[in-house]
């Protein structure tokens, strides 16, 4: 079983494309992902920009992601890039991890809008895990924790540029790797747990919680 840690950047479909917006409200502008081996070490990376067809990048999105409309001139469209991503994932059984399920929803909607019917992509979407929810469950907190806050909780600085899809994927992968040493993870996260004042105490077995989820 291979593991892919994925992150996306996207922008909103223009209101003038009302019919398209009914199907898909955002278009992907960057796909970043890393592949982990059986020892949970990073063995490959995928990083591609995508030119949207029904969107223009707003100043807000440009400031957040450092991706401009000019940067995407000449880049390939979603159908081409997602095709390369599917090939990159390989033929083995694969689980995809992301921080929340929003990225999965964005891919599903854009896939539908642009008629991408690929059995391999369908399999990836059916084997998708929300790493953020796993962390929230571990800590017994009711609110969703940000990637940055969890990194701070384990005393790690974010490496790279925030809201860069590939850098977000790399930092998410580090959290995944940290979870594998469950005793160390619990020890590092306890100060954050105390600050967050979780809804219930950490009296459960982390092994039982993660069994069957982290594979």
Protein backbone atom coordinates (compact mmCIF):
# COMPACT_ATOMS: atom_id res chain seq x y z
CA UNK A 1 0.00 0.00 0.00
CA UNK A 2 1.48 3.33 -1.08
CA UNK A 3 0.72 6.63 0.60
CA UNK A 4 0.32 10.01 -1.08
CA UNK A 5 0.17 13.25 0.92
CA UNK A 6 -1.56 15.89 -1.22
CA UNK A 7 -2.35 19.59 -1.10
CA UNK A 8 -4.04 21.92 -3.59
CA UNK A 9 -4.23 25.62 -4.25
CA UNK A 10 -7.27 26.90 -6.14
CA UNK A 11 -9.24 30.01 -7.10
CA UNK A 12 -12.93 30.75 -7.52
CA UNK A 13 -14.70 30.30 -10.86
CA UNK A 14 -15.76 33.68 -12.25
CA UNK A 15 -19.43 34.63 -11.68
CA UNK A 16 -19.84 35.19 -15.43
CA UNK A 17 -19.60 31.42 -15.86
CA UNK A 18 -22.80 30.74 -13.94
CA UNK A 19 -23.45 27.34 -15.53
CA UNK A 20 -19.97 26.10 -14.69
CA UNK A 21 -20.21 27.47 -11.13
CA UNK A 22 -23.26 25.30 -10.55
CA UNK A 23 -20.99 22.27 -10.94
CA UNK A 24 -17.64 23.53 -9.71
CA UNK A 25 -17.03 26.64 -7.62
CA UNK A 26 -13.21 26.48 -7.69
CA UNK A 27 -10.50 25.58 -10.17
CA UNK A 28 -7.17 24.11 -9.14
CA UNK A 29 -4.09 26.21 -9.84
CA UNK A 30 -1.44 24.03 -8.16
CA UNK A 31 -1.16 20.35 -7.23
CA UNK A 32 1.53 19.40 -4.73
CA UNK A 33 2.06 15.88 -3.43
CA UNK A 34 4.66 13.58 -1.94
CA UNK A 35 4.89 9.79 -2.06
CA UNK A 36 5.90 7.75 1.00
CA UNK A 37 7.46 4.29 0.98
CA UNK A 38 6.73 1.42 3.37
CA UNK A 39 9.02 3.07 5.94
CA UNK A 40 7.10 6.37 5.59
CA UNK A 41 10.04 8.11 3.99
CA UNK A 42 9.49 10.55 1.12
CA UNK A 43 10.59 8.92 -2.12
CA UNK A 44 9.10 11.23 -4.76
CA UNK A 45 7.40 14.60 -5.25
CA UNK A 46 4.81 16.00 -7.64
CA UNK A 47 4.48 19.75 -8.14
CA UNK A 48 2.60 21.26 -11.07
CA UNK A 49 0.83 24.55 -11.73
CA UNK A 50 -2.49 24.45 -13.57
CA UNK A 51 -4.01 27.07 -15.83
CA UNK A 52 -7.71 27.62 -14.96
CA UNK A 53 -10.26 27.84 -17.76
CA UNK A 54 -13.08 29.77 -16.07
CA UNK A 55 -11.20 31.78 -13.45
CA UNK A 56 -8.87 34.68 -12.89
CA UNK A 57 -6.69 34.77 -9.81
CA UNK A 58 -7.78 37.53 -7.46
CA UNK A 59 -5.35 39.80 -5.63
CA UNK A 60 -6.30 38.03 -2.41
CA UNK A 61 -5.39 34.59 -3.78
CA UNK A 62 -2.22 35.95 -5.37
CA UNK A 63 -1.12 37.45 -2.05
CA UNK A 64 -1.92 34.20 -0.22
CA UNK A 65 -0.29 31.77 -2.66
CA UNK A 66 2.22 33.92 -4.57
CA UNK A 67 0.65 32.53 -7.74
CA UNK A 68 -0.30 35.13 -10.35
CA UNK A 69 -2.24 34.98 -13.59
CA UNK A 70 0.99 35.73 -15.42
CA UNK A 71 2.69 32.72 -13.82
CA UNK A 72 0.03 30.42 -15.21
CA UNK A 73 0.27 31.64 -18.80
CA UNK A 74 1.42 28.72 -20.91
CA UNK A 75 0.74 26.16 -18.16
CA UNK A 76 -1.34 23.10 -18.93
CA UNK A 77 -5.01 22.69 -18.03
CA UNK A 78 -6.58 20.51 -15.35
CA UNK A 79 -7.25 17.53 -17.62
CA UNK A 80 -3.60 17.30 -18.67
CA UNK A 81 -2.09 17.84 -15.22
CA UNK A 82 -4.46 15.51 -13.38
CA UNK A 83 -3.64 12.89 -15.99
CA UNK A 84 0.06 13.22 -15.17
CA UNK A 85 -0.73 13.11 -11.46
CA UNK A 86 -2.66 9.86 -11.90
CA UNK A 87 0.28 8.32 -13.79
CA UNK A 88 2.68 9.55 -11.09
CA UNK A 89 0.73 7.79 -8.34
CA UNK A 90 1.44 4.45 -10.04
CA UNK A 91 -0.48 1.21 -10.24
CA UNK A 92 -0.24 0.03 -6.63
CA UNK A 93 -3.06 0.32 -4.11
CA UNK A 94 -2.77 3.86 -2.78
CA UNK A 95 -4.20 5.87 0.10
CA UNK A 96 -4.34 9.65 -0.26
CA UNK A 97 -4.02 11.86 2.83
CA UNK A 98 -4.88 15.54 2.94
CA UNK A 99 -5.48 18.21 5.59
CA UNK A 100 -9.31 18.18 5.65
CA UNK A 101 -11.49 16.80 2.88
CA UNK A 102 -11.79 20.09 0.98
CA UNK A 103 -9.16 19.12 -1.59
CA UNK A 104 -11.02 15.91 -2.38
CA UNK A 105 -14.24 17.84 -2.94
CA UNK A 106 -12.49 20.32 -5.25
CA UNK A 107 -11.04 17.52 -7.37
CA UNK A 108 -14.39 15.71 -7.53
CA UNK A 109 -16.21 18.83 -8.72
CA UNK A 110 -13.60 19.91 -11.26
CA UNK A 111 -13.38 16.36 -12.55
CA UNK A 112 -17.14 16.38 -13.10
CA UNK A 113 -17.10 19.79 -14.81
CA UNK A 114 -14.33 18.82 -17.21
CA UNK A 115 -15.40 15.27 -17.91
CA UNK A 116 -12.40 13.45 -16.50
CA UNK A 117 -13.52 9.84 -16.21
CA UNK A 118 -10.59 7.76 -15.06
CA UNK A 119 -10.91 4.57 -13.02
CA UNK A 120 -7.56 5.18 -11.32
CA UNK A 121 -8.66 8.65 -10.15
CA UNK A 122 -11.92 7.17 -8.89
CA UNK A 123 -9.93 4.64 -6.85
CA UNK A 124 -7.82 7.43 -5.35
CA UNK A 125 -10.93 9.40 -4.39
CA UNK A 126 -12.39 6.29 -2.77
CA UNK A 127 -9.25 5.76 -0.67
CA UNK A 128 -8.93 9.24 0.81
CA UNK A 129 -8.16 10.00 4.47
CA UNK A 130 -8.60 13.28 6.37
CA UNK A 131 -5.42 13.66 8.43
CA UNK A 132 -6.78 16.77 10.14
CA UNK A 133 -9.73 14.78 11.49
CA UNK A 134 -7.38 12.10 12.79
CA UNK A 135 -5.46 14.75 14.75
CA UNK A 136 -8.67 16.32 16.07
CA UNK A 137 -9.85 12.90 17.25
CA UNK A 138 -6.54 12.14 18.92
CA UNK A 139 -6.70 15.40 20.86
CA UNK A 140 -10.46 15.18 21.52
CA UNK A 141 -10.94 18.76 20.38
CA UNK A 142 -14.16 19.99 18.85
CA UNK A 143 -12.59 22.58 16.52
CA UNK A 144 -10.49 21.81 13.47
CA UNK A 145 -6.81 22.47 14.09
CA UNK A 146 -4.75 24.17 11.43
CA UNK A 147 -1.65 22.60 9.95
CA UNK A 148 0.45 25.43 11.36
CA UNK A 149 -0.92 25.03 14.88
CA UNK A 150 -0.18 21.31 14.95
CA UNK A 151 3.38 21.94 13.79
CA UNK A 152 3.78 24.50 16.55
CA UNK A 153 2.34 21.96 18.99
CA UNK A 154 5.20 19.57 18.24
CA UNK A 155 7.73 22.45 18.29
CA UNK A 156 8.42 22.41 14.57
CA UNK A 157 8.64 25.45 12.31
CA UNK A 158 6.81 25.36 8.99
CA UNK A 159 9.38 24.65 6.28
CA UNK A 160 9.01 26.57 3.03
CA UNK A 161 6.23 28.89 1.93
CA UNK A 162 2.80 28.62 3.48
CA UNK A 163 0.01 28.08 0.93
CA UNK A 164 2.41 26.59 -1.56
CA UNK A 165 0.82 23.24 -2.42
CA UNK A 166 4.10 21.33 -2.43
CA UNK A 167 5.37 22.90 0.80
CA UNK A 168 2.03 22.30 2.53
CA UNK A 169 2.19 18.67 1.38
CA UNK A 170 5.73 18.27 2.71
CA UNK A 171 4.79 19.69 6.11
CA UNK A 172 1.66 17.54 6.26
CA UNK A 173 3.84 14.53 5.49
CA UNK A 174 6.06 15.42 8.44
CA UNK A 175 3.01 15.33 10.73
CA UNK A 176 2.04 11.95 9.28
CA UNK A 177 5.55 10.65 9.96
CA UNK A 178 5.45 11.99 13.52
CA UNK A 179 2.18 10.18 14.24
CA UNK A 180 3.83 6.85 13.47
CA UNK A 181 5.83 7.15 16.71
CA UNK A 182 2.69 7.38 18.78
CA UNK A 183 4.33 7.70 22.19
CA UNK A 184 6.54 10.55 21.00
CA UNK A 185 3.64 12.26 19.28
CA UNK A 186 1.45 12.13 22.39
CA UNK A 187 4.30 13.48 24.50
CA UNK A 188 4.95 16.38 22.14
CA UNK A 189 1.29 17.27 21.74
CA UNK A 190 0.35 17.22 25.43
CA UNK A 191 1.14 20.94 26.03
CA UNK A 192 -1.15 21.85 23.14
CA UNK A 193 -3.82 19.49 24.47
CA UNK A 194 -3.73 21.29 27.82
CA UNK A 195 -3.97 24.70 26.13
CA UNK A 196 -6.85 23.58 23.92
CA UNK A 197 -8.75 22.14 26.93
CA UNK A 198 -10.12 19.14 25.01
CA UNK A 199 -13.68 18.00 25.47
CA UNK A 200 -12.51 14.74 27.07
CA UNK A 201 -9.25 13.45 28.47
CA UNK A 202 -6.68 11.42 26.58
CA UNK A 203 -7.49 8.16 28.33
CA UNK A 204 -8.03 6.12 25.19
CA UNK A 205 -5.44 4.06 23.35
CA UNK A 206 -3.90 5.89 20.43
CA UNK A 207 -3.13 2.52 18.91
CA UNK A 208 -6.81 1.59 18.87
CA UNK A 209 -7.76 4.95 17.38
CA UNK A 210 -5.26 4.79 14.55
CA UNK A 211 -5.53 1.09 13.81
CA UNK A 212 -6.97 0.65 10.35
CA UNK A 213 -6.63 4.35 9.52
CA UNK A 214 -2.90 4.92 9.33
CA UNK A 215 -1.61 2.21 7.04
